[in-house]
Amino acid sequence: MIFRRLIYSIFLIFWLFNLFSILRYEAKKNFQKNGSLKKQTSVFK
């Protein structure tokens, strides 16, 4: 019973870490996109 709970906790931690890394990657990609847009608008000004 304890062993099964340990497996569940490890799986949950791994899933949360994976989700966090995906969110961080998406945020970084969006940030780079926004940065390039800001550069283009500043060039037009």
C-alpha atoms as a PDB file:
ATOM      1  CA  MET A   1       0.000   0.000   0.000  1.00  0.00           C
ATOM      2  CA  ILE A   2       2.780   2.426   0.934  1.00  0.00           C
ATOM      3  CA  PHE A   3       4.738   1.367  -2.171  1.00  0.00           C
ATOM      4  CA  ARG A   4       1.769   2.162  -4.428  1.00  0.00           C
ATOM      5  CA  ARG A   5       1.376   5.569  -2.785  1.00  0.00           C
ATOM      6  CA  LEU A   6       5.078   6.249  -3.381  1.00  0.00           C
ATOM      7  CA  ILE A   7       4.704   5.412  -7.082  1.00  0.00           C
ATOM      8  CA  TYR A   8       1.683   7.719  -7.321  1.00  0.00           C
ATOM      9  CA  SER A   9       3.555  10.581  -5.623  1.00  0.00           C
ATOM     10  CA  ILE A  10       6.588  10.144  -7.928  1.00  0.00           C
ATOM     11  CA  PHE A  11       4.315  10.073 -10.976  1.00  0.00           C
ATOM     12  CA  LEU A  12       2.488  13.209  -9.782  1.00  0.00           C
ATOM     13  CA  ILE A  13       5.754  15.089  -9.180  1.00  0.00           C
ATOM     14  CA  PHE A  14       7.046  14.052 -12.621  1.00  0.00           C
ATOM     15  CA  TRP A  15       3.779  15.173 -14.272  1.00  0.00           C
ATOM     16  CA  LEU A  16       3.832  18.548 -12.495  1.00  0.00           C
ATOM     17  CA  PHE A  17       7.485  19.096 -13.458  1.00  0.00           C
ATOM     18  CA  ASN A  18       6.710  18.215 -17.090  1.00  0.00           C
ATOM     19  CA  LEU A  19       3.727  20.589 -17.124  1.00  0.00           C
ATOM     20  CA  PHE A  20       5.837  23.384 -15.581  1.00  0.00           C
ATOM     21  CA  SER A  21       8.607  22.924 -18.163  1.00  0.00           C
ATOM     22  CA  ILE A  22       6.066  23.050 -21.031  1.00  0.00           C
ATOM     23  CA  LEU A  23       4.499  26.233 -19.624  1.00  0.00           C
ATOM     24  CA  ARG A  24       7.930  27.817 -19.156  1.00  0.00           C
ATOM     25  CA  TYR A  25       8.890  26.922 -22.767  1.00  0.00           C
ATOM     26  CA  GLU A  26       5.650  28.443 -24.117  1.00  0.00           C
ATOM     27  CA  ALA A  27       6.146  31.589 -22.026  1.00  0.00           C
ATOM     28  CA  LYS A  28       9.718  31.959 -23.307  1.00  0.00           C
ATOM     29  CA  LYS A  29       8.543  31.512 -26.917  1.00  0.00           C
ATOM     30  CA  ASN A  30       5.788  34.124 -26.462  1.00  0.00           C
ATOM     31  CA  PHE A  31       8.237  36.497 -24.774  1.00  0.00           C
ATOM     32  CA  GLN A  32      10.651  36.219 -27.715  1.00  0.00           C
ATOM     33  CA  LYS A  33       7.775  36.856 -30.137  1.00  0.00           C
ATOM     34  CA  ASN A  34       6.662  39.940 -28.194  1.00  0.00           C
ATOM     35  CA  GLY A  35      10.264  41.188 -28.040  1.00  0.00           C
ATOM     36  CA  SER A  36      10.615  40.957 -31.835  1.00  0.00           C
ATOM     37  CA  LEU A  37       7.266  42.754 -32.282  1.00  0.00           C
ATOM     38  CA  LYS A  38       8.402  45.555 -29.962  1.00  0.00           C
ATOM     39  CA  LYS A  39      11.640  45.906 -31.973  1.00  0.00           C
ATOM     40  CA  GLN A  40       9.682  46.164 -35.231  1.00  0.00           C
ATOM     41  CA  THR A  41       7.320  48.821 -33.818  1.00  0.00           C
ATOM     42  CA  SER A  42      10.252  50.854 -32.436  1.00  0.00           C
ATOM     43  CA  VAL A  43      11.909  50.709 -35.896  1.00  0.00           C
ATOM     44  CA  PHE A  44       8.692  51.995 -37.517  1.00  0.00           C
ATOM     45  CA  LYS A  45       8.563  54.890 -35.020  1.00  0.00           C
END
